[in-house]
Amino acid sequence: MAGRDMASRDGDGVVLLHGIARSASSLATLEHALRADGYRTLNLDYPARSRCIADIVAELHETISRFGGECGGRLHFVTHSMGGLVARAYIARHRPERLGHIVMLAPPNEGSEIADLLRNNALYRGFFGPAGAELVTARPDTLCQVLGEVDYPLGVIAGDRSLDPLAWLLLPGPNDGRVSVERSRVAGMADHITIHSTHPLIMRNREAIAQTRHFLKHGHFERTGAAI
């Protein structure tokens, strides 16, 4: 595990958590935008494909806790894909004293039908590992307890553009090629918005970045009158 801690002021900090088959570099554009807003950032590389979610949280705890202690203000989280589940599990077990706002980009909060289809496939299990098996839609009670309830200010940004024709057959309704818009939702979230982006590129999408910055500052996305 490696982390990149960039400090521009002794104030609020943001922990960035990448998706299951990505690395910290996938969030570099978003991190740069947040640093420009004055946040300290901790953009972590972590073993997303070789650990279950609970073990990932245990491995990240010391680093995140130390970073939070160095920040003078609140500690926010910004995540992509499975990183959102890692953030939920982390907050459930190690809730920061000065927890701020959480923004999830394309999170499989209620799993993915693609994981349902491939969960018993040897290639899928070999590549995505224990955490990949936890992305299914029917979750055991033990995993639900690990993820906990959402009782904090969470904003979810979903995508509705897919370049994979197979995904449109497997995923019901609008989706980003990996997660349906509906399954990105979770009970207790403060706000939800859908943008025109694919799953692999949403963290570099200009609108997604702008909406992330807005939610971190205000606790809601930049529009009025839309249903959550």
C-alpha atoms as a PDB file:
ATOM      1  CA  MET A   1       0.000   0.000   0.000  1.00  0.00           C
ATOM      2  CA  ALA A   2       1.256   3.480  -0.829  1.00  0.00           C
ATOM      3  CA  GLY A   3      -0.217   6.893  -0.233  1.00  0.00           C
ATOM      4  CA  ARG A   4       0.428  10.336  -1.624  1.00  0.00           C
ATOM      5  CA  ASP A   5      -0.213  13.104   0.929  1.00  0.00           C
ATOM      6  CA  MET A   6      -0.253  16.585  -0.565  1.00  0.00           C
ATOM      7  CA  ALA A   7      -0.816  19.466   1.859  1.00  0.00           C
ATOM      8  CA  SER A   8      -1.736  22.955   0.696  1.00  0.00           C
ATOM      9  CA  ARG A   9      -3.136  24.215   4.013  1.00  0.00           C
ATOM     10  CA  ASP A  10      -3.766  22.967   7.508  1.00  0.00           C
ATOM     11  CA  GLY A  11      -7.479  22.484   7.034  1.00  0.00           C
ATOM     12  CA  ASP A  12      -9.885  19.924   5.648  1.00  0.00           C
ATOM     13  CA  GLY A  13      -8.491  16.714   4.232  1.00  0.00           C
ATOM     14  CA  VAL A  14      -9.797  14.383   1.533  1.00  0.00           C
ATOM     15  CA  VAL A  15      -9.102  10.650   1.348  1.00  0.00           C
ATOM     16  CA  LEU A  16      -9.353   9.311  -2.216  1.00  0.00           C
ATOM     17  CA  LEU A  17     -10.080   5.609  -2.763  1.00  0.00           C
ATOM     18  CA  HIS A  18      -9.828   4.067  -6.235  1.00  0.00           C
ATOM     19  CA  GLY A  19     -11.812   1.199  -7.757  1.00  0.00           C
ATOM     20  CA  ILE A  20     -11.067  -2.511  -7.727  1.00  0.00           C
ATOM     21  CA  ALA A  21      -8.900  -2.740 -10.845  1.00  0.00           C
ATOM     22  CA  ARG A  22      -7.388   0.733 -10.675  1.00  0.00           C
ATOM     23  CA  SER A  23      -4.690   2.613  -8.775  1.00  0.00           C
ATOM     24  CA  ALA A  24      -4.237   5.995  -7.132  1.00  0.00           C
ATOM     25  CA  SER A  25      -3.134   7.460 -10.469  1.00  0.00           C
ATOM     26  CA  SER A  26      -6.680   6.996 -11.808  1.00  0.00           C
ATOM     27  CA  LEU A  27      -7.806   9.730  -9.394  1.00  0.00           C
ATOM     28  CA  ALA A  28      -4.918  12.110 -10.115  1.00  0.00           C
ATOM     29  CA  THR A  29      -7.008  14.593 -12.134  1.00  0.00           C
ATOM     30  CA  LEU A  30      -9.659  14.747  -9.430  1.00  0.00           C
ATOM     31  CA  GLU A  31      -7.004  15.039  -6.733  1.00  0.00           C
ATOM     32  CA  HIS A  32      -5.401  17.982  -8.535  1.00  0.00           C
ATOM     33  CA  ALA A  33      -8.768  19.792  -8.615  1.00  0.00           C
ATOM     34  CA  LEU A  34      -9.301  19.224  -4.893  1.00  0.00           C
ATOM     35  CA  ARG A  35      -5.823  20.469  -4.053  1.00  0.00           C
ATOM     36  CA  ALA A  36      -6.588  23.594  -6.075  1.00  0.00           C
ATOM     37  CA  ASP A  37      -9.548  24.138  -3.721  1.00  0.00           C
ATOM     38  CA  GLY A  38      -7.189  24.049  -0.750  1.00  0.00           C
ATOM     39  CA  TYR A  39      -7.759  20.540   0.551  1.00  0.00           C
ATOM     40  CA  ARG A  40      -5.049  18.274   1.841  1.00  0.00           C
ATOM     41  CA  THR A  41      -5.291  14.971  -0.011  1.00  0.00           C
ATOM     42  CA  LEU A  42      -4.417  11.368   0.700  1.00  0.00           C
ATOM     43  CA  ASN A  43      -4.656   9.401  -2.546  1.00  0.00           C
ATOM     44  CA  LEU A  44      -4.103   5.776  -1.595  1.00  0.00           C
ATOM     45  CA  ASP A  45      -2.956   2.745  -3.511  1.00  0.00           C
ATOM     46  CA  TYR A  46      -4.344  -0.322  -1.775  1.00  0.00           C
ATOM     47  CA  PRO A  47      -4.635  -4.078  -2.511  1.00  0.00           C
ATOM     48  CA  ALA A  48      -8.107  -3.967  -4.023  1.00  0.00           C
ATOM     49  CA  ARG A  49      -7.846  -7.317  -5.810  1.00  0.00           C
ATOM     50  CA  SER A  50      -6.157  -9.418  -3.143  1.00  0.00           C
ATOM     51  CA  ARG A  51      -8.181  -8.677   0.015  1.00  0.00           C
ATOM     52  CA  CYS A  52     -11.813  -8.688   1.078  1.00  0.00           C
ATOM     53  CA  ILE A  53     -13.295  -5.301   1.986  1.00  0.00           C
ATOM     54  CA  ALA A  54     -12.934  -5.803   5.743  1.00  0.00           C
ATOM     55  CA  ASP A  55      -9.244  -6.670   5.388  1.00  0.00           C
ATOM     56  CA  ILE A  56      -8.664  -3.668   3.109  1.00  0.00           C
ATOM     57  CA  VAL A  57     -10.115  -1.423   5.828  1.00  0.00           C
ATOM     58  CA  ALA A  58      -7.845  -2.970   8.458  1.00  0.00           C
ATOM     59  CA  GLU A  59      -4.823  -2.339   6.260  1.00  0.00           C
ATOM     60  CA  LEU A  60      -5.765   1.288   5.535  1.00  0.00           C
ATOM     61  CA  HIS A  61      -6.744   2.290   9.066  1.00  0.00           C
ATOM     62  CA  GLU A  62      -3.380   3.414  10.418  1.00  0.00           C
ATOM     63  CA  THR A  63      -2.572   5.551   7.378  1.00  0.00           C
ATOM     64  CA  ILE A  64      -5.984   7.211   7.213  1.00  0.00           C
ATOM     65  CA  SER A  65      -6.111   7.770  10.964  1.00  0.00           C
ATOM     66  CA  ARG A  66      -2.701   9.443  10.949  1.00  0.00           C
ATOM     67  CA  PHE A  67      -3.671  11.648   8.008  1.00  0.00           C
ATOM     68  CA  GLY A  68      -6.934  12.651   9.713  1.00  0.00           C
ATOM     69  CA  GLY A  69      -5.034  13.598  12.837  1.00  0.00           C
ATOM     70  CA  GLU A  70      -2.753  15.865  10.830  1.00  0.00           C
ATOM     71  CA  CYS A  71      -5.675  17.761   9.308  1.00  0.00           C
ATOM     72  CA  GLY A  72      -6.981  20.684  11.293  1.00  0.00           C
ATOM     73  CA  GLY A  73     -10.485  20.452   9.857  1.00  0.00           C
ATOM     74  CA  ARG A  74     -12.882  17.800   8.670  1.00  0.00           C
ATOM     75  CA  LEU A  75     -11.988  14.560   6.914  1.00  0.00           C
ATOM     76  CA  HIS A  76     -13.853  13.948   3.648  1.00  0.00           C
ATOM     77  CA  PHE A  77     -13.860  10.895   1.375  1.00  0.00           C
ATOM     78  CA  VAL A  78     -14.054  10.816  -2.435  1.00  0.00           C
ATOM     79  CA  THR A  79     -14.239   7.419  -4.095  1.00  0.00           C
ATOM     80  CA  HIS A  80     -14.611   5.616  -7.393  1.00  0.00           C
ATOM     81  CA  SER A  81     -16.482   2.339  -7.872  1.00  0.00           C
ATOM     82  CA  MET A  82     -15.650  -0.226  -5.152  1.00  0.00           C
ATOM     83  CA  GLY A  83     -13.755   2.462  -3.284  1.00  0.00           C
ATOM     84  CA  GLY A  84     -17.168   3.629  -2.133  1.00  0.00           C
ATOM     85  CA  LEU A  85     -17.765   0.325  -0.351  1.00  0.00           C
ATOM     86  CA  VAL A  86     -14.335   0.566   1.253  1.00  0.00           C
ATOM     87  CA  ALA A  87     -15.223   4.054   2.515  1.00  0.00           C
ATOM     88  CA  ARG A  88     -18.531   2.810   3.919  1.00  0.00           C
ATOM     89  CA  ALA A  89     -16.805  -0.048   5.709  1.00  0.00           C
ATOM     90  CA  TYR A  90     -14.084   2.244   7.021  1.00  0.00           C
ATOM     91  CA  ILE A  91     -16.565   4.751   8.416  1.00  0.00           C
ATOM     92  CA  ALA A  92     -18.644   1.974   9.968  1.00  0.00           C
ATOM     93  CA  ARG A  93     -15.625   0.639  11.862  1.00  0.00           C
ATOM     94  CA  HIS A  94     -13.357   3.675  12.316  1.00  0.00           C
ATOM     95  CA  ARG A  95     -15.614   6.713  11.999  1.00  0.00           C
ATOM     96  CA  PRO A  96     -13.435   9.845  12.078  1.00  0.00           C
ATOM     97  CA  GLU A  97     -14.247  12.273  14.870  1.00  0.00           C
ATOM     98  CA  ARG A  98     -14.514  15.165  12.387  1.00  0.00           C
ATOM     99  CA  LEU A  99     -16.127  13.306   9.502  1.00  0.00           C
ATOM    100  CA  GLY A 100     -16.999  15.614   6.626  1.00  0.00           C
ATOM    101  CA  HIS A 101     -18.748  14.914   3.328  1.00  0.00           C
ATOM    102  CA  ILE A 102     -18.487  11.775   1.223  1.00  0.00           C
ATOM    103  CA  VAL A 103     -18.766  11.672  -2.569  1.00  0.00           C
ATOM    104  CA  MET A 104     -18.971   8.362  -4.423  1.00  0.00           C
ATOM    105  CA  LEU A 105     -18.512   8.121  -8.180  1.00  0.00           C
ATOM    106  CA  ALA A 106     -20.263   5.123  -9.782  1.00  0.00           C
ATOM    107  CA  PRO A 107     -20.427   3.051  -6.587  1.00  0.00           C
ATOM    108  CA  PRO A 108     -21.946  -0.460  -6.586  1.00  0.00           C
ATOM    109  CA  ASN A 109     -23.794   0.336  -3.381  1.00  0.00           C
ATOM    110  CA  GLU A 110     -26.334  -2.387  -4.071  1.00  0.00           C
ATOM    111  CA  GLY A 111     -23.982  -4.568  -6.112  1.00  0.00           C
ATOM    112  CA  SER A 112     -23.872  -5.323  -9.822  1.00  0.00           C
ATOM    113  CA  GLU A 113     -25.646  -7.932 -11.916  1.00  0.00           C
ATOM    114  CA  ILE A 114     -22.403  -8.402 -13.832  1.00  0.00           C
ATOM    115  CA  ALA A 115     -20.764  -9.655 -10.633  1.00  0.00           C
ATOM    116  CA  ASP A 116     -23.778 -11.947 -10.142  1.00  0.00           C
ATOM    117  CA  LEU A 117     -23.196 -13.497 -13.553  1.00  0.00           C
ATOM    118  CA  LEU A 118     -19.431 -13.905 -13.229  1.00  0.00           C
ATOM    119  CA  ARG A 119     -19.006 -14.689  -9.526  1.00  0.00           C
ATOM    120  CA  ASN A 120     -18.347 -18.385 -10.208  1.00  0.00           C
ATOM    121  CA  ASN A 121     -16.157 -17.787 -13.245  1.00  0.00           C
ATOM    122  CA  ALA A 122     -12.556 -18.813 -12.538  1.00  0.00           C
ATOM    123  CA  LEU A 123     -11.064 -15.948 -14.574  1.00  0.00           C
ATOM    124  CA  TYR A 124     -13.231 -13.366 -12.803  1.00  0.00           C
ATOM    125  CA  ARG A 125     -12.415 -14.735  -9.363  1.00  0.00           C
ATOM    126  CA  GLY A 126      -8.737 -14.975 -10.187  1.00  0.00           C
ATOM    127  CA  PHE A 127      -8.504 -11.387 -11.411  1.00  0.00           C
ATOM    128  CA  PHE A 128     -10.843  -9.579  -9.004  1.00  0.00           C
ATOM    129  CA  GLY A 129     -10.154 -11.712  -5.947  1.00  0.00           C
ATOM    130  CA  PRO A 130     -12.103 -11.748  -2.658  1.00  0.00           C
ATOM    131  CA  ALA A 131     -13.465  -8.206  -3.012  1.00  0.00           C
ATOM    132  CA  GLY A 132     -14.793  -8.987  -6.492  1.00  0.00           C
ATOM    133  CA  ALA A 133     -16.952 -11.716  -4.986  1.00  0.00           C
ATOM    134  CA  GLU A 134     -18.444  -9.112  -2.618  1.00  0.00           C
ATOM    135  CA  LEU A 135     -19.837  -6.969  -5.450  1.00  0.00           C
ATOM    136  CA  VAL A 136     -22.880  -9.198  -5.979  1.00  0.00           C
ATOM    137  CA  THR A 137     -26.417  -7.921  -5.479  1.00  0.00           C
ATOM    138  CA  ALA A 138     -27.390 -10.547  -2.874  1.00  0.00           C
ATOM    139  CA  ARG A 139     -25.106  -9.812   0.059  1.00  0.00           C
ATOM    140  CA  PRO A 140     -24.667 -11.922   3.186  1.00  0.00           C
ATOM    141  CA  ASP A 141     -25.548 -10.355   6.525  1.00  0.00           C
ATOM    142  CA  THR A 142     -21.875 -10.327   7.498  1.00  0.00           C
ATOM    143  CA  LEU A 143     -20.988  -8.015   4.591  1.00  0.00           C
ATOM    144  CA  CYS A 144     -23.990  -5.778   5.294  1.00  0.00           C
ATOM    145  CA  GLN A 145     -22.680  -5.371   8.842  1.00  0.00           C
ATOM    146  CA  VAL A 146     -19.221  -4.518   7.517  1.00  0.00           C
ATOM    147  CA  LEU A 147     -20.660  -1.804   5.252  1.00  0.00           C
ATOM    148  CA  GLY A 148     -22.922  -0.403   7.962  1.00  0.00           C
ATOM    149  CA  GLU A 149     -25.706   2.132   7.604  1.00  0.00           C
ATOM    150  CA  VAL A 150     -25.294   5.472   5.895  1.00  0.00           C
ATOM    151  CA  ASP A 151     -25.980   8.152   8.499  1.00  0.00           C
ATOM    152  CA  TYR A 152     -23.586  10.781   7.189  1.00  0.00           C
ATOM    153  CA  PRO A 153     -23.700  13.337   4.329  1.00  0.00           C
ATOM    154  CA  LEU A 154     -23.191  11.201   1.227  1.00  0.00           C
ATOM    155  CA  GLY A 155     -23.549  12.300  -2.368  1.00  0.00           C
ATOM    156  CA  VAL A 156     -23.628   9.715  -5.164  1.00  0.00           C
ATOM    157  CA  ILE A 157     -22.749  10.472  -8.795  1.00  0.00           C
ATOM    158  CA  ALA A 158     -23.890   7.779 -11.236  1.00  0.00           C
ATOM    159  CA  GLY A 159     -23.158   7.428 -14.946  1.00  0.00           C
ATOM    160  CA  ASP A 160     -25.618   6.422 -17.653  1.00  0.00           C
ATOM    161  CA  ARG A 161     -23.342   5.909 -20.663  1.00  0.00           C
ATOM    162  CA  SER A 162     -21.956   2.504 -21.678  1.00  0.00           C
ATOM    163  CA  LEU A 163     -19.725   1.473 -24.562  1.00  0.00           C
ATOM    164  CA  ASP A 164     -20.291  -2.216 -23.837  1.00  0.00           C
ATOM    165  CA  PRO A 165     -23.342  -3.640 -25.652  1.00  0.00           C
ATOM    166  CA  LEU A 166     -23.274  -6.722 -23.429  1.00  0.00           C
ATOM    167  CA  ALA A 167     -23.726  -4.556 -20.333  1.00  0.00           C
ATOM    168  CA  TRP A 168     -26.967  -3.163 -21.716  1.00  0.00           C
ATOM    169  CA  LEU A 169     -28.285  -6.717 -21.890  1.00  0.00           C
ATOM    170  CA  LEU A 170     -27.166  -7.622 -18.375  1.00  0.00           C
ATOM    171  CA  LEU A 171     -27.861  -4.399 -16.491  1.00  0.00           C
ATOM    172  CA  PRO A 172     -31.459  -3.236 -16.089  1.00  0.00           C
ATOM    173  CA  GLY A 173     -32.201   0.393 -16.908  1.00  0.00           C
ATOM    174  CA  PRO A 174     -29.674   3.198 -17.362  1.00  0.00           C
ATOM    175  CA  ASN A 175     -26.131   2.154 -16.483  1.00  0.00           C
ATOM    176  CA  ASP A 176     -22.469   3.034 -16.956  1.00  0.00           C
ATOM    177  CA  GLY A 177     -21.401  -0.356 -18.293  1.00  0.00           C
ATOM    178  CA  ARG A 178     -20.643  -1.799 -14.852  1.00  0.00           C
ATOM    179  CA  VAL A 179     -23.251  -0.496 -12.413  1.00  0.00           C
ATOM    180  CA  SER A 180     -26.861   0.479 -13.012  1.00  0.00           C
ATOM    181  CA  VAL A 181     -27.964   3.928 -11.892  1.00  0.00           C
ATOM    182  CA  GLU A 182     -30.501   2.360  -9.559  1.00  0.00           C
ATOM    183  CA  ARG A 183     -27.936   0.162  -7.800  1.00  0.00           C
ATOM    184  CA  SER A 184     -25.631   3.103  -7.197  1.00  0.00           C
ATOM    185  CA  ARG A 185     -28.185   4.385  -4.682  1.00  0.00           C
ATOM    186  CA  VAL A 186     -28.130   3.552  -0.986  1.00  0.00           C
ATOM    187  CA  ALA A 187     -30.539   4.265   1.842  1.00  0.00           C
ATOM    188  CA  GLY A 188     -29.535   7.328   3.854  1.00  0.00           C
ATOM    189  CA  MET A 189     -27.690   9.200   1.096  1.00  0.00           C
ATOM    190  CA  ALA A 190     -28.128  12.965   1.063  1.00  0.00           C
ATOM    191  CA  ASP A 191     -28.170  13.489  -2.706  1.00  0.00           C
ATOM    192  CA  HIS A 192     -27.891  11.623  -5.993  1.00  0.00           C
ATOM    193  CA  ILE A 193     -27.200  12.809  -9.511  1.00  0.00           C
ATOM    194  CA  THR A 194     -26.757  11.104 -12.875  1.00  0.00           C
ATOM    195  CA  ILE A 195     -24.358  12.364 -15.526  1.00  0.00           C
ATOM    196  CA  HIS A 196     -23.496  11.185 -19.039  1.00  0.00           C
ATOM    197  CA  SER A 197     -20.328   9.193 -18.414  1.00  0.00           C
ATOM    198  CA  THR A 198     -18.974   5.659 -18.553  1.00  0.00           C
ATOM    199  CA  HIS A 199     -17.780   3.770 -15.484  1.00  0.00           C
ATOM    200  CA  PRO A 200     -14.047   3.751 -16.342  1.00  0.00           C
ATOM    201  CA  LEU A 201     -13.891   7.478 -17.099  1.00  0.00           C
ATOM    202  CA  ILE A 202     -16.325   9.099 -14.683  1.00  0.00           C
ATOM    203  CA  MET A 203     -13.584  10.232 -12.272  1.00  0.00           C
ATOM    204  CA  ARG A 204     -12.059  12.297 -15.106  1.00  0.00           C
ATOM    205  CA  ASN A 205     -15.381  13.699 -16.288  1.00  0.00           C
ATOM    206  CA  ARG A 206     -15.489  17.502 -16.034  1.00  0.00           C
ATOM    207  CA  GLU A 207     -19.037  17.586 -14.689  1.00  0.00           C
ATOM    208  CA  ALA A 208     -18.314  14.857 -12.141  1.00  0.00           C
ATOM    209  CA  ILE A 209     -15.316  16.800 -10.855  1.00  0.00           C
ATOM    210  CA  ALA A 210     -17.314  20.019 -10.617  1.00  0.00           C
ATOM    211  CA  GLN A 211     -20.148  18.268  -8.782  1.00  0.00           C
ATOM    212  CA  THR A 212     -17.684  16.612  -6.397  1.00  0.00           C
ATOM    213  CA  ARG A 213     -16.168  19.963  -5.515  1.00  0.00           C
ATOM    214  CA  HIS A 214     -19.608  21.449  -4.959  1.00  0.00           C
ATOM    215  CA  PHE A 215     -20.812  18.642  -2.710  1.00  0.00           C
ATOM    216  CA  LEU A 216     -17.679  18.753  -0.556  1.00  0.00           C
ATOM    217  CA  LYS A 217     -18.294  22.454   0.068  1.00  0.00           C
ATOM    218  CA  HIS A 218     -22.085  22.491   0.399  1.00  0.00           C
ATOM    219  CA  GLY A 219     -23.340  18.958   1.116  1.00  0.00           C
ATOM    220  CA  HIS A 220     -25.503  18.835  -2.014  1.00  0.00           C
ATOM    221  CA  PHE A 221     -25.078  18.849  -5.751  1.00  0.00           C
ATOM    222  CA  GLU A 222     -25.424  21.942  -7.914  1.00  0.00           C
ATOM    223  CA  ARG A 223     -29.051  21.889  -8.990  1.00  0.00           C
ATOM    224  CA  THR A 224     -32.422  22.421  -7.346  1.00  0.00           C
ATOM    225  CA  GLY A 225     -35.744  20.639  -7.355  1.00  0.00           C
ATOM    226  CA  ALA A 226     -34.447  17.248  -8.491  1.00  0.00           C
ATOM    227  CA  ALA A 227     -35.496  14.103  -6.673  1.00  0.00           C
ATOM    228  CA  ILE A 228     -32.925  12.094  -4.769  1.00  0.00           C
END
